[in-house]
Amino acid sequence: INLNLDDAPAAAAAPAAAGGKDAHWEDVQQKFDLARAYQEMGDKDGAREILQEVIKDGDAAQQAEAKALLDSLT
């Protein structure tokens, strides 16, 4: 049995590259969605806390959206 991994296809990186979104992006996006839900329920403090995490961990677009939503909570 030949177990040479150098010949294995590089498919592991393809899903993130194909969709442009990776697991980290998805996690941050879920936090952003949760913050919106908190806002809709009237829990501004909960929304603020989660939006701060999005600003810390998200990409530039997620950070900009989170900042805009955070500004609207004041």
C-alpha atoms as a PDB file:
ATOM      1  CA  ILE A   1       0.000   0.000   0.000  1.00  0.00           C
ATOM      2  CA  ASN A   2       1.363   3.370  -1.017  1.00  0.00           C
ATOM      3  CA  LEU A   3       0.407   6.039   1.543  1.00  0.00           C
ATOM      4  CA  ASN A   4       2.308   8.893  -0.038  1.00  0.00           C
ATOM      5  CA  LEU A   5       0.268  11.978   0.922  1.00  0.00           C
ATOM      6  CA  ASP A   6       2.089  14.148  -1.581  1.00  0.00           C
ATOM      7  CA  ASP A   7      -0.032  12.565  -4.308  1.00  0.00           C
ATOM      8  CA  ALA A   8      -3.342  13.234  -2.523  1.00  0.00           C
ATOM      9  CA  PRO A   9      -5.635  15.843  -4.085  1.00  0.00           C
ATOM     10  CA  ALA A  10      -5.732  19.229  -2.401  1.00  0.00           C
ATOM     11  CA  ALA A  11      -9.525  19.196  -2.062  1.00  0.00           C
ATOM     12  CA  ALA A  12      -9.501  20.144   1.601  1.00  0.00           C
ATOM     13  CA  ALA A  13      -8.853  23.801   0.809  1.00  0.00           C
ATOM     14  CA  ALA A  14     -11.345  23.957  -2.049  1.00  0.00           C
ATOM     15  CA  PRO A  15     -14.606  24.442  -0.108  1.00  0.00           C
ATOM     16  CA  ALA A  16     -13.456  27.632   1.608  1.00  0.00           C
ATOM     17  CA  ALA A  17     -11.940  29.008  -1.565  1.00  0.00           C
ATOM     18  CA  ALA A  18     -14.928  28.094  -3.709  1.00  0.00           C
ATOM     19  CA  GLY A  19     -17.484  29.776  -1.470  1.00  0.00           C
ATOM     20  CA  GLY A  20     -15.185  32.507  -0.231  1.00  0.00           C
ATOM     21  CA  LYS A  21     -16.405  31.885   3.326  1.00  0.00           C
ATOM     22  CA  ASP A  22     -14.673  29.716   5.900  1.00  0.00           C
ATOM     23  CA  ALA A  23     -15.812  28.254   9.203  1.00  0.00           C
ATOM     24  CA  HIS A  24     -14.524  31.263  11.159  1.00  0.00           C
ATOM     25  CA  TRP A  25     -16.545  33.634   8.958  1.00  0.00           C
ATOM     26  CA  GLU A  26     -19.631  31.482   9.492  1.00  0.00           C
ATOM     27  CA  ASP A  27     -19.122  31.516  13.279  1.00  0.00           C
ATOM     28  CA  VAL A  28     -18.807  35.290  13.352  1.00  0.00           C
ATOM     29  CA  GLN A  29     -21.840  35.643  11.084  1.00  0.00           C
ATOM     30  CA  GLN A  30     -23.877  33.506  13.494  1.00  0.00           C
ATOM     31  CA  LYS A  31     -22.871  35.858  16.310  1.00  0.00           C
ATOM     32  CA  PHE A  32     -23.985  38.805  14.203  1.00  0.00           C
ATOM     33  CA  ASP A  33     -27.327  37.129  13.519  1.00  0.00           C
ATOM     34  CA  LEU A  34     -27.707  36.424  17.236  1.00  0.00           C
ATOM     35  CA  ALA A  35     -27.015  40.076  18.038  1.00  0.00           C
ATOM     36  CA  ARG A  36     -29.798  41.095  15.631  1.00  0.00           C
ATOM     37  CA  ALA A  37     -32.165  38.670  17.358  1.00  0.00           C
ATOM     38  CA  TYR A  38     -31.260  40.148  20.748  1.00  0.00           C
ATOM     39  CA  GLN A  39     -31.939  43.622  19.374  1.00  0.00           C
ATOM     40  CA  GLU A  40     -35.337  42.557  18.048  1.00  0.00           C
ATOM     41  CA  MET A  41     -36.201  41.096  21.475  1.00  0.00           C
ATOM     42  CA  GLY A  42     -35.251  44.385  23.115  1.00  0.00           C
ATOM     43  CA  ASP A  43     -32.091  43.074  24.797  1.00  0.00           C
ATOM     44  CA  LYS A  44     -29.782  45.915  23.804  1.00  0.00           C
ATOM     45  CA  ASP A  45     -27.117  44.999  26.355  1.00  0.00           C
ATOM     46  CA  GLY A  46     -26.930  41.432  25.050  1.00  0.00           C
ATOM     47  CA  ALA A  47     -26.774  42.695  21.472  1.00  0.00           C
ATOM     48  CA  ARG A  48     -23.987  45.149  22.349  1.00  0.00           C
ATOM     49  CA  GLU A  49     -21.910  42.432  23.982  1.00  0.00           C
ATOM     50  CA  ILE A  50     -22.141  40.123  20.982  1.00  0.00           C
ATOM     51  CA  LEU A  51     -21.536  42.964  18.521  1.00  0.00           C
ATOM     52  CA  GLN A  52     -18.291  43.758  20.360  1.00  0.00           C
ATOM     53  CA  GLU A  53     -17.203  40.159  19.691  1.00  0.00           C
ATOM     54  CA  VAL A  54     -18.083  40.542  15.999  1.00  0.00           C
ATOM     55  CA  ILE A  55     -16.046  43.748  15.822  1.00  0.00           C
ATOM     56  CA  LYS A  56     -13.097  41.954  17.448  1.00  0.00           C
ATOM     57  CA  ASP A  57     -13.278  38.724  15.427  1.00  0.00           C
ATOM     58  CA  GLY A  58     -14.990  39.551  12.122  1.00  0.00           C
ATOM     59  CA  ASP A  59     -13.701  40.524   8.735  1.00  0.00           C
ATOM     60  CA  ALA A  60     -13.881  44.132   7.529  1.00  0.00           C
ATOM     61  CA  ALA A  61     -17.449  43.848   6.198  1.00  0.00           C
ATOM     62  CA  GLN A  62     -18.720  42.141   9.352  1.00  0.00           C
ATOM     63  CA  GLN A  63     -16.987  44.739  11.505  1.00  0.00           C
ATOM     64  CA  ALA A  64     -18.565  47.597   9.548  1.00  0.00           C
ATOM     65  CA  GLU A  65     -22.051  46.056   9.828  1.00  0.00           C
ATOM     66  CA  ALA A  66     -21.573  45.406  13.533  1.00  0.00           C
ATOM     67  CA  LYS A  67     -20.418  48.990  14.156  1.00  0.00           C
ATOM     68  CA  ALA A  68     -23.420  50.369  12.275  1.00  0.00           C
ATOM     69  CA  LEU A  69     -25.811  48.189  14.269  1.00  0.00           C
ATOM     70  CA  LEU A  70     -24.038  49.079  17.503  1.00  0.00           C
ATOM     71  CA  ASP A  71     -24.413  52.782  16.707  1.00  0.00           C
ATOM     72  CA  SER A  72     -28.136  52.288  16.110  1.00  0.00           C
ATOM     73  CA  LEU A  73     -28.557  50.775  19.583  1.00  0.00           C
ATOM     74  CA  THR A  74     -27.616  53.982  21.392  1.00  0.00           C
END
